[in-house]
Amino acid sequence: DLQSPACTAIQFFVLRDYARETLSLRWRSWMTSYYMKRYFKNRTFYKIQSQSLIDNPDQRINDDLSAFTGTALAFSLTLLNAVVDLVSFSNILYGIYPPLFVVLIVYSLGGTAISVFLGKSLVNLNFMQEKKEADFRYGLVRVRENAESIAFYGGEENELQLLLDRFRRAYQNLSELLIASRNLEFFTNGYRYLIQILPAAVVAPMFFAGKIEFGVINQSVSAFNHILSDFSLIVFQFQSISAFSAVIDRLGEFDDLLGENGSSLSPRRDSIDGINISFKSGSPSVLSSNGSQMQSEPGIVLEICDLTLLTPRGGNILITDFNMELKDKDHLLVFHL
């Protein structure tokens, strides 16, 4: 009865895929919680945004973590299957004709080297594409969240031009990415085609010499294709690997920044057209002579010098030469008439 093994196989493959997706989801959940805690620790989220240390941390937490966990798990299983397949068919191919095994190794190593050479630009292009797509998406979200202000000040044209410019940069980068992928695809398709011919061409002289039977040729071709597919993972998966490398680079930047624990996220002093704005930490507590803790004189946490404020459309001067110091525990009210 063939139905019973078939049903068992179907159940096995379904449960295997379910287990893989579940593991990927749980891994992503753990990593998201881990990065979110570090992102909010010591107000790191504010310091990253105010100092423009990296672009689109929201995309790195959401999209990049999802892509990393799913792709890393898929590549791990693919590599495991390749190792098992390689061990299974290597003895068969080597037993049929050892020189064919040598040809396989040389062919796969040469194909891998050429693939890396042709596709080396894909990693950076995928990295930049993620950034530019996120910038464009962030611009759309920004318009939605500030729709009232944009409409009030008549900023539709400026916002439109900004969004079109961001989309244009994403479009140009994607065009370069498609060209690089096309060039790599030319090679990989030819590489796959020669796989069907190469083993038969190597073994054919032995067949015509009467040393092997015709069935051995089919067996060698099958074993050759299996082993070469295992050796050629980089060739066949280079585009996916390059996209995965870009994700790793983006997460690596984010992880390095969070790993500094805010040490480099120090208060800064900005100067824009003669306007000096300083952000400072509050004054620390000190100990009195009897050992009790006392709060020292409140320190300055915000200092603004020589500020001139203009209306966004008419350019009318509202404030000139404005100076302000904001001390720790002071209260500040800003209102608009």
C-alpha atoms as a PDB file:
ATOM      1  CA  ASP A   1       0.000   0.000   0.000  1.00  0.00           C
ATOM      2  CA  LEU A   2       1.684   3.191  -1.247  1.00  0.00           C
ATOM      3  CA  GLN A   3      -0.811   5.572   0.318  1.00  0.00           C
ATOM      4  CA  SER A   4       0.453   5.101   3.870  1.00  0.00           C
ATOM      5  CA  PRO A   5       4.091   6.162   3.159  1.00  0.00           C
ATOM      6  CA  ALA A   6       2.824   9.052   1.045  1.00  0.00           C
ATOM      7  CA  CYS A   7       0.555  10.308   3.846  1.00  0.00           C
ATOM      8  CA  THR A   8       3.384   9.957   6.331  1.00  0.00           C
ATOM      9  CA  ALA A   9       5.720  11.937   4.072  1.00  0.00           C
ATOM     10  CA  ILE A  10       3.132  14.698   3.619  1.00  0.00           C
ATOM     11  CA  GLN A  11       2.630  14.996   7.372  1.00  0.00           C
ATOM     12  CA  PHE A  12       6.387  15.066   7.928  1.00  0.00           C
ATOM     13  CA  PHE A  13       6.985  17.901   5.441  1.00  0.00           C
ATOM     14  CA  VAL A  14       4.052  19.938   6.767  1.00  0.00           C
ATOM     15  CA  LEU A  15       5.205  19.559  10.379  1.00  0.00           C
ATOM     16  CA  ARG A  16       8.796  20.329   9.360  1.00  0.00           C
ATOM     17  CA  ASP A  17       7.770  23.617   7.733  1.00  0.00           C
ATOM     18  CA  TYR A  18       5.537  24.464  10.686  1.00  0.00           C
ATOM     19  CA  ALA A  19       8.341  23.807  13.166  1.00  0.00           C
ATOM     20  CA  ARG A  20      10.749  25.948  11.144  1.00  0.00           C
ATOM     21  CA  GLU A  21       8.342  28.903  10.943  1.00  0.00           C
ATOM     22  CA  THR A  22       7.495  28.591  14.643  1.00  0.00           C
ATOM     23  CA  LEU A  23      11.163  28.581  15.597  1.00  0.00           C
ATOM     24  CA  SER A  24      11.769  31.610  13.373  1.00  0.00           C
ATOM     25  CA  LEU A  25       8.839  33.457  14.973  1.00  0.00           C
ATOM     26  CA  ARG A  26      10.013  32.739  18.519  1.00  0.00           C
ATOM     27  CA  TRP A  27      13.558  33.724  17.658  1.00  0.00           C
ATOM     28  CA  ARG A  28      12.317  37.004  16.192  1.00  0.00           C
ATOM     29  CA  SER A  29      10.147  37.625  19.275  1.00  0.00           C
ATOM     30  CA  TRP A  30      13.149  37.162  21.589  1.00  0.00           C
ATOM     31  CA  MET A  31      15.445  39.375  19.488  1.00  0.00           C
ATOM     32  CA  THR A  32      12.791  42.095  19.173  1.00  0.00           C
ATOM     33  CA  SER A  33      12.332  42.204  22.943  1.00  0.00           C
ATOM     34  CA  TYR A  34      16.115  42.213  23.438  1.00  0.00           C
ATOM     35  CA  TYR A  35      16.727  45.120  21.053  1.00  0.00           C
ATOM     36  CA  MET A  36      13.702  47.117  22.231  1.00  0.00           C
ATOM     37  CA  LYS A  37      14.920  47.036  25.834  1.00  0.00           C
ATOM     38  CA  ARG A  38      18.351  48.291  24.762  1.00  0.00           C
ATOM     39  CA  TYR A  39      16.748  50.879  22.462  1.00  0.00           C
ATOM     40  CA  PHE A  40      14.742  52.447  25.290  1.00  0.00           C
ATOM     41  CA  LYS A  41      17.466  52.143  27.925  1.00  0.00           C
ATOM     42  CA  ASN A  42      18.901  55.501  29.066  1.00  0.00           C
ATOM     43  CA  ARG A  43      16.745  57.311  26.469  1.00  0.00           C
ATOM     44  CA  THR A  44      18.872  55.898  23.672  1.00  0.00           C
ATOM     45  CA  PHE A  45      15.964  56.228  21.222  1.00  0.00           C
ATOM     46  CA  TYR A  46      15.928  60.004  21.733  1.00  0.00           C
ATOM     47  CA  LYS A  47      19.683  60.409  21.465  1.00  0.00           C
ATOM     48  CA  ILE A  48      19.791  58.399  18.234  1.00  0.00           C
ATOM     49  CA  GLN A  49      17.067  60.533  16.701  1.00  0.00           C
ATOM     50  CA  SER A  50      18.352  63.892  17.921  1.00  0.00           C
ATOM     51  CA  GLN A  51      21.939  63.236  16.852  1.00  0.00           C
ATOM     52  CA  SER A  52      21.044  61.368  13.620  1.00  0.00           C
ATOM     53  CA  LEU A  53      23.492  58.580  14.446  1.00  0.00           C
ATOM     54  CA  ILE A  54      21.872  55.962  12.185  1.00  0.00           C
ATOM     55  CA  ASP A  55      19.001  55.941   9.740  1.00  0.00           C
ATOM     56  CA  ASN A  56      15.615  54.320  10.338  1.00  0.00           C
ATOM     57  CA  PRO A  57      16.058  52.387  13.600  1.00  0.00           C
ATOM     58  CA  ASP A  58      12.395  51.379  13.328  1.00  0.00           C
ATOM     59  CA  GLN A  59      13.119  49.482  10.109  1.00  0.00           C
ATOM     60  CA  ARG A  60      16.086  47.711  11.680  1.00  0.00           C
ATOM     61  CA  ILE A  61      13.942  46.511  14.590  1.00  0.00           C
ATOM     62  CA  ASN A  62      10.968  45.463  12.467  1.00  0.00           C
ATOM     63  CA  ASP A  63      12.054  44.466   8.954  1.00  0.00           C
ATOM     64  CA  ASP A  64      15.732  43.613   9.457  1.00  0.00           C
ATOM     65  CA  LEU A  65      15.167  41.439  12.513  1.00  0.00           C
ATOM     66  CA  SER A  66      12.395  39.565  10.700  1.00  0.00           C
ATOM     67  CA  ALA A  67      14.565  39.040   7.623  1.00  0.00           C
ATOM     68  CA  PHE A  68      17.560  38.015   9.718  1.00  0.00           C
ATOM     69  CA  THR A  69      15.801  35.324  11.744  1.00  0.00           C
ATOM     70  CA  GLY A  70      13.897  33.845   8.795  1.00  0.00           C
ATOM     71  CA  THR A  71      16.830  33.855   6.379  1.00  0.00           C
ATOM     72  CA  ALA A  72      19.403  32.657   8.916  1.00  0.00           C
ATOM     73  CA  LEU A  73      17.253  29.683   9.833  1.00  0.00           C
ATOM     74  CA  ALA A  74      16.541  28.848   6.179  1.00  0.00           C
ATOM     75  CA  PHE A  75      20.244  29.038   5.270  1.00  0.00           C
ATOM     76  CA  SER A  76      21.164  26.868   8.247  1.00  0.00           C
ATOM     77  CA  LEU A  77      18.754  24.129   7.178  1.00  0.00           C
ATOM     78  CA  THR A  78      19.912  24.406   3.570  1.00  0.00           C
ATOM     79  CA  LEU A  79      23.526  24.038   4.646  1.00  0.00           C
ATOM     80  CA  LEU A  80      22.678  21.021   6.807  1.00  0.00           C
ATOM     81  CA  ASN A  81      20.874  19.338   3.905  1.00  0.00           C
ATOM     82  CA  ALA A  82      23.827  20.083   1.628  1.00  0.00           C
ATOM     83  CA  VAL A  83      26.281  18.452   4.041  1.00  0.00           C
ATOM     84  CA  VAL A  84      24.164  15.297   4.308  1.00  0.00           C
ATOM     85  CA  ASP A  85      23.708  15.174   0.530  1.00  0.00           C
ATOM     86  CA  LEU A  86      27.424  15.726  -0.056  1.00  0.00           C
ATOM     87  CA  VAL A  87      28.426  12.844   2.212  1.00  0.00           C
ATOM     88  CA  SER A  88      25.863  10.540   0.611  1.00  0.00           C
ATOM     89  CA  PHE A  89      26.873  11.041  -3.033  1.00  0.00           C
ATOM     90  CA  SER A  90      30.622  11.718  -2.776  1.00  0.00           C
ATOM     91  CA  ASN A  91      31.509   8.044  -2.352  1.00  0.00           C
ATOM     92  CA  ILE A  92      29.308   7.109  -5.303  1.00  0.00           C
ATOM     93  CA  LEU A  93      30.865   9.634  -7.659  1.00  0.00           C
ATOM     94  CA  TYR A  94      34.417   8.980  -6.518  1.00  0.00           C
ATOM     95  CA  GLY A  95      33.889   5.245  -6.952  1.00  0.00           C
ATOM     96  CA  ILE A  96      32.658   5.667 -10.532  1.00  0.00           C
ATOM     97  CA  TYR A  97      35.444   7.901 -11.836  1.00  0.00           C
ATOM     98  CA  PRO A  98      37.818   9.824  -9.509  1.00  0.00           C
ATOM     99  CA  PRO A  99      38.836  12.389 -12.189  1.00  0.00           C
ATOM    100  CA  LEU A 100      35.174  13.421 -12.466  1.00  0.00           C
ATOM    101  CA  PHE A 101      35.208  14.275  -8.768  1.00  0.00           C
ATOM    102  CA  VAL A 102      38.280  16.486  -9.318  1.00  0.00           C
ATOM    103  CA  VAL A 103      36.562  18.219 -12.268  1.00  0.00           C
ATOM    104  CA  LEU A 104      33.557  18.883 -10.024  1.00  0.00           C
ATOM    105  CA  ILE A 105      35.643  20.589  -7.336  1.00  0.00           C
ATOM    106  CA  VAL A 106      37.538  22.747  -9.848  1.00  0.00           C
ATOM    107  CA  TYR A 107      34.316  23.708 -11.635  1.00  0.00           C
ATOM    108  CA  SER A 108      32.490  24.625  -8.421  1.00  0.00           C
ATOM    109  CA  LEU A 109      35.392  26.668  -7.018  1.00  0.00           C
ATOM    110  CA  GLY A 110      35.804  28.540 -10.296  1.00  0.00           C
ATOM    111  CA  GLY A 111      32.085  29.253 -10.472  1.00  0.00           C
ATOM    112  CA  THR A 112      32.063  30.515  -6.895  1.00  0.00           C
ATOM    113  CA  ALA A 113      34.982  32.873  -7.561  1.00  0.00           C
ATOM    114  CA  ILE A 114      33.343  34.299 -10.683  1.00  0.00           C
ATOM    115  CA  SER A 115      30.020  34.727  -8.867  1.00  0.00           C
ATOM    116  CA  VAL A 116      31.692  36.665  -6.061  1.00  0.00           C
ATOM    117  CA  PHE A 117      33.478  38.868  -8.592  1.00  0.00           C
ATOM    118  CA  LEU A 118      30.322  39.606 -10.606  1.00  0.00           C
ATOM    119  CA  GLY A 119      28.083  40.099  -7.599  1.00  0.00           C
ATOM    120  CA  LYS A 120      30.373  41.923  -5.163  1.00  0.00           C
ATOM    121  CA  SER A 121      28.447  45.164  -5.712  1.00  0.00           C
ATOM    122  CA  LEU A 122      25.137  43.543  -4.743  1.00  0.00           C
ATOM    123  CA  VAL A 123      25.841  43.725  -1.003  1.00  0.00           C
ATOM    124  CA  ASN A 124      26.248  47.504  -0.981  1.00  0.00           C
ATOM    125  CA  LEU A 125      23.356  47.998  -3.428  1.00  0.00           C
ATOM    126  CA  ASN A 126      21.031  45.915  -1.255  1.00  0.00           C
ATOM    127  CA  PHE A 127      22.202  47.833   1.810  1.00  0.00           C
ATOM    128  CA  MET A 128      21.467  51.178   0.176  1.00  0.00           C
ATOM    129  CA  GLN A 129      18.145  49.963  -1.213  1.00  0.00           C
ATOM    130  CA  GLU A 130      16.946  49.083   2.273  1.00  0.00           C
ATOM    131  CA  LYS A 131      17.956  52.554   3.455  1.00  0.00           C
ATOM    132  CA  LYS A 132      16.362  54.454   0.588  1.00  0.00           C
ATOM    133  CA  GLU A 133      13.120  52.476   0.713  1.00  0.00           C
ATOM    134  CA  ALA A 134      12.911  53.131   4.449  1.00  0.00           C
ATOM    135  CA  ASP A 135      13.575  56.851   3.937  1.00  0.00           C
ATOM    136  CA  PHE A 136      10.748  57.044   1.412  1.00  0.00           C
ATOM    137  CA  ARG A 137       8.377  55.137   3.690  1.00  0.00           C
ATOM    138  CA  TYR A 138       9.341  57.349   6.635  1.00  0.00           C
ATOM    139  CA  GLY A 139       8.534  60.429   4.541  1.00  0.00           C
ATOM    140  CA  LEU A 140       5.060  59.100   3.818  1.00  0.00           C
ATOM    141  CA  VAL A 141       4.470  58.389   7.512  1.00  0.00           C
ATOM    142  CA  ARG A 142       5.752  61.857   8.384  1.00  0.00           C
ATOM    143  CA  VAL A 143       3.212  63.461   6.047  1.00  0.00           C
ATOM    144  CA  ARG A 144       0.411  61.430   7.590  1.00  0.00           C
ATOM    145  CA  GLU A 145       1.387  62.336  11.154  1.00  0.00           C
ATOM    146  CA  ASN A 146       1.877  66.050  10.355  1.00  0.00           C
ATOM    147  CA  ALA A 147      -0.964  66.451   7.879  1.00  0.00           C
ATOM    148  CA  GLU A 148      -2.598  69.309   9.821  1.00  0.00           C
ATOM    149  CA  SER A 149       0.624  71.333  10.118  1.00  0.00           C
ATOM    150  CA  ILE A 150       1.518  70.817   6.456  1.00  0.00           C
ATOM    151  CA  ALA A 151      -1.934  71.902   5.334  1.00  0.00           C
ATOM    152  CA  PHE A 152      -1.940  74.903   7.681  1.00  0.00           C
ATOM    153  CA  TYR A 153       1.377  76.252   6.448  1.00  0.00           C
ATOM    154  CA  GLY A 154       0.763  75.321   2.806  1.00  0.00           C
ATOM    155  CA  GLY A 155       3.728  72.988   2.634  1.00  0.00           C
ATOM    156  CA  GLU A 156       2.218  70.516   0.148  1.00  0.00           C
ATOM    157  CA  GLU A 157       4.607  71.363  -2.675  1.00  0.00           C
ATOM    158  CA  ASN A 158       7.717  71.103  -0.504  1.00  0.00           C
ATOM    159  CA  GLU A 159       6.619  67.774   0.942  1.00  0.00           C
ATOM    160  CA  LEU A 160       5.751  66.476  -2.529  1.00  0.00           C
ATOM    161  CA  GLN A 161       9.159  67.395  -3.903  1.00  0.00           C
ATOM    162  CA  LEU A 162      10.877  65.816  -0.892  1.00  0.00           C
ATOM    163  CA  LEU A 163       8.987  62.559  -1.336  1.00  0.00           C
ATOM    164  CA  LEU A 164       9.588  62.457  -5.085  1.00  0.00           C
ATOM    165  CA  ASP A 165      13.282  63.074  -4.514  1.00  0.00           C
ATOM    166  CA  ARG A 166      13.479  60.213  -2.027  1.00  0.00           C
ATOM    167  CA  PHE A 167      11.607  57.910  -4.396  1.00  0.00           C
ATOM    168  CA  ARG A 168      13.887  58.945  -7.254  1.00  0.00           C
ATOM    169  CA  ARG A 169      16.963  57.945  -5.238  1.00  0.00           C
ATOM    170  CA  ALA A 170      15.378  54.586  -4.410  1.00  0.00           C
ATOM    171  CA  TYR A 171      14.475  54.098  -8.079  1.00  0.00           C
ATOM    172  CA  GLN A 172      18.002  54.859  -9.285  1.00  0.00           C
ATOM    173  CA  ASN A 173      19.564  52.487  -6.766  1.00  0.00           C
ATOM    174  CA  LEU A 174      17.078  49.761  -7.676  1.00  0.00           C
ATOM    175  CA  SER A 175      17.928  50.195 -11.363  1.00  0.00           C
ATOM    176  CA  GLU A 176      21.611  49.624 -10.572  1.00  0.00           C
ATOM    177  CA  LEU A 177      20.651  46.621  -8.447  1.00  0.00           C
ATOM    178  CA  LEU A 178      18.656  45.104 -11.310  1.00  0.00           C
ATOM    179  CA  ILE A 179      21.578  45.563 -13.714  1.00  0.00           C
ATOM    180  CA  ALA A 180      23.999  43.853 -11.324  1.00  0.00           C
ATOM    181  CA  SER A 181      21.501  41.028 -10.758  1.00  0.00           C
ATOM    182  CA  ARG A 182      21.040  40.631 -14.518  1.00  0.00           C
ATOM    183  CA  ASN A 183      24.781  40.268 -15.086  1.00  0.00           C
ATOM    184  CA  LEU A 184      25.024  37.673 -12.346  1.00  0.00           C
ATOM    185  CA  GLU A 185      22.000  35.838 -13.729  1.00  0.00           C
ATOM    186  CA  PHE A 186      23.685  35.493 -17.154  1.00  0.00           C
ATOM    187  CA  PHE A 187      26.530  33.617 -15.518  1.00  0.00           C
ATOM    188  CA  THR A 188      24.442  31.445 -13.182  1.00  0.00           C
ATOM    189  CA  ASN A 189      22.160  30.306 -16.015  1.00  0.00           C
ATOM    190  CA  GLY A 190      25.169  29.296 -18.103  1.00  0.00           C
ATOM    191  CA  TYR A 191      26.664  27.619 -15.056  1.00  0.00           C
ATOM    192  CA  ARG A 192      23.503  25.547 -14.568  1.00  0.00           C
ATOM    193  CA  TYR A 193      23.393  24.600 -18.262  1.00  0.00           C
ATOM    194  CA  LEU A 194      26.958  23.259 -18.328  1.00  0.00           C
ATOM    195  CA  ILE A 195      26.175  21.034 -15.353  1.00  0.00           C
ATOM    196  CA  GLN A 196      23.973  18.899 -17.639  1.00  0.00           C
ATOM    197  CA  ILE A 197      26.758  18.428 -20.209  1.00  0.00           C
ATOM    198  CA  LEU A 198      30.001  18.336 -18.233  1.00  0.00           C
ATOM    199  CA  PRO A 199      29.701  14.957 -16.440  1.00  0.00           C
ATOM    200  CA  ALA A 200      28.582  13.110 -19.585  1.00  0.00           C
ATOM    201  CA  ALA A 201      31.456  14.662 -21.561  1.00  0.00           C
ATOM    202  CA  VAL A 202      34.009  13.538 -18.960  1.00  0.00           C
ATOM    203  CA  VAL A 203      32.669   9.974 -18.628  1.00  0.00           C
ATOM    204  CA  ALA A 204      31.862   9.425 -22.337  1.00  0.00           C
ATOM    205  CA  PRO A 205      35.402   8.264 -23.337  1.00  0.00           C
ATOM    206  CA  MET A 206      35.156   5.421 -20.807  1.00  0.00           C
ATOM    207  CA  PHE A 207      31.806   4.364 -22.278  1.00  0.00           C
ATOM    208  CA  PHE A 208      33.112   4.300 -25.837  1.00  0.00           C
ATOM    209  CA  ALA A 209      36.136   2.341 -24.634  1.00  0.00           C
ATOM    210  CA  GLY A 210      33.762  -0.255 -23.191  1.00  0.00           C
ATOM    211  CA  LYS A 211      34.914   0.210 -19.608  1.00  0.00           C
ATOM    212  CA  ILE A 212      31.504   1.266 -18.237  1.00  0.00           C
ATOM    213  CA  GLU A 213      27.886   0.682 -19.186  1.00  0.00           C
ATOM    214  CA  PHE A 214      25.424   3.341 -20.278  1.00  0.00           C
ATOM    215  CA  GLY A 215      23.580   3.203 -16.965  1.00  0.00           C
ATOM    216  CA  VAL A 216      26.748   4.263 -15.187  1.00  0.00           C
ATOM    217  CA  ILE A 217      26.694   7.510 -17.169  1.00  0.00           C
ATOM    218  CA  ASN A 218      23.208   8.334 -15.857  1.00  0.00           C
ATOM    219  CA  GLN A 219      24.310   7.431 -12.355  1.00  0.00           C
ATOM    220  CA  SER A 220      27.377   9.651 -12.588  1.00  0.00           C
ATOM    221  CA  VAL A 221      25.345  12.550 -13.972  1.00  0.00           C
ATOM    222  CA  SER A 222      22.862  12.268 -11.095  1.00  0.00           C
ATOM    223  CA  ALA A 223      25.604  12.089  -8.444  1.00  0.00           C
ATOM    224  CA  PHE A 224      27.522  14.928 -10.124  1.00  0.00           C
ATOM    225  CA  ASN A 225      24.446  17.198 -10.092  1.00  0.00           C
ATOM    226  CA  HIS A 226      23.745  16.485  -6.430  1.00  0.00           C
ATOM    227  CA  ILE A 227      27.287  17.160  -5.283  1.00  0.00           C
ATOM    228  CA  LEU A 228      27.767  20.190  -7.512  1.00  0.00           C
ATOM    229  CA  SER A 229      24.558  21.716  -6.166  1.00  0.00           C
ATOM    230  CA  ASP A 230      25.988  21.293  -2.676  1.00  0.00           C
ATOM    231  CA  PHE A 231      29.316  22.855  -3.635  1.00  0.00           C
ATOM    232  CA  SER A 232      27.602  25.656  -5.559  1.00  0.00           C
ATOM    233  CA  LEU A 233      25.384  27.052  -2.816  1.00  0.00           C
ATOM    234  CA  ILE A 234      27.121  30.415  -3.084  1.00  0.00           C
ATOM    235  CA  VAL A 235      26.614  30.504  -6.863  1.00  0.00           C
ATOM    236  CA  PHE A 236      22.927  29.594  -6.746  1.00  0.00           C
ATOM    237  CA  GLN A 237      22.107  31.647  -3.634  1.00  0.00           C
ATOM    238  CA  PHE A 238      24.391  34.629  -4.155  1.00  0.00           C
ATOM    239  CA  GLN A 239      21.600  37.182  -4.595  1.00  0.00           C
ATOM    240  CA  SER A 240      19.893  35.959  -1.421  1.00  0.00           C
ATOM    241  CA  ILE A 241      23.237  35.912   0.398  1.00  0.00           C
ATOM    242  CA  SER A 242      24.011  39.489  -0.685  1.00  0.00           C
ATOM    243  CA  ALA A 243      20.619  40.690   0.573  1.00  0.00           C
ATOM    244  CA  PHE A 244      21.197  38.790   3.816  1.00  0.00           C
ATOM    245  CA  SER A 245      24.649  40.377   4.159  1.00  0.00           C
ATOM    246  CA  ALA A 246      23.077  43.830   3.856  1.00  0.00           C
ATOM    247  CA  VAL A 247      20.648  42.946   6.657  1.00  0.00           C
ATOM    248  CA  ILE A 248      23.539  41.762   8.845  1.00  0.00           C
ATOM    249  CA  ASP A 249      25.440  45.001   8.181  1.00  0.00           C
ATOM    250  CA  ARG A 250      22.449  47.128   9.187  1.00  0.00           C
ATOM    251  CA  LEU A 251      21.831  45.106  12.343  1.00  0.00           C
ATOM    252  CA  GLY A 252      25.551  45.183  13.109  1.00  0.00           C
ATOM    253  CA  GLU A 253      25.588  48.982  13.011  1.00  0.00           C
ATOM    254  CA  PHE A 254      22.533  49.115  15.241  1.00  0.00           C
ATOM    255  CA  ASP A 255      23.925  46.577  17.689  1.00  0.00           C
ATOM    256  CA  ASP A 256      27.271  48.388  17.930  1.00  0.00           C
ATOM    257  CA  LEU A 257      25.484  51.642  18.674  1.00  0.00           C
ATOM    258  CA  LEU A 258      23.301  50.102  21.372  1.00  0.00           C
ATOM    259  CA  GLY A 259      26.296  48.232  22.767  1.00  0.00           C
ATOM    260  CA  GLU A 260      28.002  51.486  23.617  1.00  0.00           C
ATOM    261  CA  ASN A 261      25.392  51.949  26.385  1.00  0.00           C
ATOM    262  CA  GLY A 262      25.095  55.616  25.596  1.00  0.00           C
ATOM    263  CA  SER A 263      28.784  56.353  26.191  1.00  0.00           C
ATOM    264  CA  SER A 264      29.190  58.022  22.808  1.00  0.00           C
ATOM    265  CA  LEU A 265      25.686  59.444  22.890  1.00  0.00           C
ATOM    266  CA  SER A 266      26.910  62.432  24.811  1.00  0.00           C
ATOM    267  CA  PRO A 267      25.131  65.770  24.982  1.00  0.00           C
ATOM    268  CA  ARG A 268      25.884  67.918  22.014  1.00  0.00           C
ATOM    269  CA  ARG A 269      26.118  71.556  21.068  1.00  0.00           C
ATOM    270  CA  ASP A 270      24.588  72.587  17.756  1.00  0.00           C
ATOM    271  CA  SER A 271      25.353  75.766  15.900  1.00  0.00           C
ATOM    272  CA  ILE A 272      23.052  76.788  13.029  1.00  0.00           C
ATOM    273  CA  ASP A 273      23.533  80.145  11.352  1.00  0.00           C
ATOM    274  CA  GLY A 274      24.916  81.767  14.490  1.00  0.00           C
ATOM    275  CA  ILE A 275      22.367  80.128  16.811  1.00  0.00           C
ATOM    276  CA  ASN A 276      23.948  78.125  19.608  1.00  0.00           C
ATOM    277  CA  ILE A 277      21.859  75.463  21.323  1.00  0.00           C
ATOM    278  CA  SER A 278      23.449  73.377  24.083  1.00  0.00           C
ATOM    279  CA  PHE A 279      22.040  70.245  25.722  1.00  0.00           C
ATOM    280  CA  LYS A 280      23.675  69.487  29.053  1.00  0.00           C
ATOM    281  CA  SER A 281      23.188  66.924  31.773  1.00  0.00           C
ATOM    282  CA  GLY A 282      21.956  68.004  35.186  1.00  0.00           C
ATOM    283  CA  SER A 283      24.344  68.563  38.057  1.00  0.00           C
ATOM    284  CA  PRO A 284      25.151  65.474  40.128  1.00  0.00           C
ATOM    285  CA  SER A 285      24.290  64.927  43.756  1.00  0.00           C
ATOM    286  CA  VAL A 286      26.986  65.420  46.406  1.00  0.00           C
ATOM    287  CA  LEU A 287      27.522  64.055  49.896  1.00  0.00           C
ATOM    288  CA  SER A 288      27.455  66.282  52.977  1.00  0.00           C
ATOM    289  CA  SER A 289      29.981  66.061  55.778  1.00  0.00           C
ATOM    290  CA  ASN A 290      27.737  63.706  57.785  1.00  0.00           C
ATOM    291  CA  GLY A 291      27.375  61.297  54.855  1.00  0.00           C
ATOM    292  CA  SER A 292      23.808  62.193  53.861  1.00  0.00           C
ATOM    293  CA  GLN A 293      23.022  62.904  50.220  1.00  0.00           C
ATOM    294  CA  MET A 294      22.403  66.507  49.230  1.00  0.00           C
ATOM    295  CA  GLN A 295      21.330  67.940  45.898  1.00  0.00           C
ATOM    296  CA  SER A 296      23.710  70.572  44.589  1.00  0.00           C
ATOM    297  CA  GLU A 297      22.666  73.731  42.846  1.00  0.00           C
ATOM    298  CA  PRO A 298      20.485  72.877  39.795  1.00  0.00           C
ATOM    299  CA  GLY A 299      22.558  72.778  36.619  1.00  0.00           C
ATOM    300  CA  ILE A 300      21.732  74.150  33.167  1.00  0.00           C
ATOM    301  CA  VAL A 301      20.206  71.479  30.909  1.00  0.00           C
ATOM    302  CA  LEU A 302      19.344  73.733  27.932  1.00  0.00           C
ATOM    303  CA  GLU A 303      20.973  76.938  26.741  1.00  0.00           C
ATOM    304  CA  ILE A 304      19.889  78.957  23.688  1.00  0.00           C
ATOM    305  CA  CYS A 305      21.873  81.950  22.446  1.00  0.00           C
ATOM    306  CA  ASP A 306      21.102  84.511  19.713  1.00  0.00           C
ATOM    307  CA  LEU A 307      17.932  82.841  18.400  1.00  0.00           C
ATOM    308  CA  THR A 308      15.988  84.520  15.587  1.00  0.00           C
ATOM    309  CA  LEU A 309      12.570  83.036  14.805  1.00  0.00           C
ATOM    310  CA  LEU A 310      10.826  83.618  11.446  1.00  0.00           C
ATOM    311  CA  THR A 311       7.447  82.609  10.096  1.00  0.00           C
ATOM    312  CA  PRO A 312       7.766  79.670   7.633  1.00  0.00           C
ATOM    313  CA  ARG A 313       5.998  81.281   4.654  1.00  0.00           C
ATOM    314  CA  GLY A 314       6.203  85.056   4.887  1.00  0.00           C
ATOM    315  CA  GLY A 315       9.586  85.283   6.576  1.00  0.00           C
ATOM    316  CA  ASN A 316       8.292  87.743   9.152  1.00  0.00           C
ATOM    317  CA  ILE A 317      10.515  88.135  12.203  1.00  0.00           C
ATOM    318  CA  LEU A 318       8.863  86.970  15.411  1.00  0.00           C
ATOM    319  CA  ILE A 319      11.830  86.935  17.803  1.00  0.00           C
ATOM    320  CA  THR A 320      15.369  88.288  17.535  1.00  0.00           C
ATOM    321  CA  ASP A 321      18.430  87.764  19.720  1.00  0.00           C
ATOM    322  CA  PHE A 322      16.566  85.416  22.040  1.00  0.00           C
ATOM    323  CA  ASN A 323      18.603  83.913  24.895  1.00  0.00           C
ATOM    324  CA  MET A 324      17.415  81.370  27.435  1.00  0.00           C
ATOM    325  CA  GLU A 325      18.777  79.064  30.100  1.00  0.00           C
ATOM    326  CA  LEU A 326      16.725  76.127  31.352  1.00  0.00           C
ATOM    327  CA  LYS A 327      17.877  74.624  34.622  1.00  0.00           C
ATOM    328  CA  ASP A 328      17.181  71.220  36.059  1.00  0.00           C
ATOM    329  CA  LYS A 329      13.635  70.971  37.492  1.00  0.00           C
ATOM    330  CA  ASP A 330      12.599  74.256  35.839  1.00  0.00           C
ATOM    331  CA  HIS A 331       9.254  74.391  34.021  1.00  0.00           C
ATOM    332  CA  LEU A 332       8.888  75.668  30.459  1.00  0.00           C
ATOM    333  CA  LEU A 333       5.644  76.403  28.617  1.00  0.00           C
ATOM    334  CA  VAL A 334       5.629  76.923  24.845  1.00  0.00           C
ATOM    335  CA  PHE A 335       2.358  78.032  23.215  1.00  0.00           C
ATOM    336  CA  HIS A 336       1.313  79.197  19.759  1.00  0.00           C
ATOM    337  CA  LEU A 337      -1.150  82.014  19.061  1.00  0.00           C
END
